[in-house]
Amino acid sequence: MGDQREPVEDDETLYRCVPARPDYYDPAQQPSLAPQAFRPVRSDVTGLSLCRAKFVTPAQAAAALRDPSYFVAVVRAGDLRKHGIEVVPAPLESGPPGHTEIPALRYETRRCDLQEGWQRLLAQVLCREVLGPFPRRGAREGA
C-alpha cells in the first residue's frame, strides 16, 4: 500500500468528506459545493483533513465519520499547490488511512479573509467532482 508519511505528489487525488446536507451541497440546486464544505471544524486543529486516494476509496473515507452520510469532494494536490495551498501527510492511528492536511486551513483561523477565500476557491474552482453520497459505516439508508 505504501508509506502514508511519504510526501503528497502533485498528481495525487485527494478526498474531502462533506456532510450530505443541503447547506453544504444539494446536487439538485447547486452547481458546486458551498464554501463551508472546506471550512475547518473543531477537530481540524493542525489543518483541514483530507484523504489520499492512493490509500482509501471515497466510500472508505466517509465510512468512519460522524454524520449519517457524506459526499466526497475530489481535488488534485497539484491544483492546490498552484494556488499556494500546501498539503502534507498526517497519518492518524485511528481513522481512515492516507490522512493528509492543509496546515494553513485550521479551525482557530477559519474565518480570516485568506482562509475564506481558499474555502471558496476549493469549493467552486478546484473541486473536480463530487461523489456520493456515501453512508457512514452502520448508518441506515435515509437516516
Foldseek 3Di string as FASTA:
>chain_A
DDDLQPWADQAWKKKQWAAPDVQQPDPVPDPWGDLCSQAADPVQAQFGKIFTCVQDDPLQQFQPDDHFWTKIFMFGQNVCVVVVFHKGRDADPDHGGRIIGRRVRGNVCRPDPVNSVVSCCVTPPGGPDIDDTHGHPPHDPPD
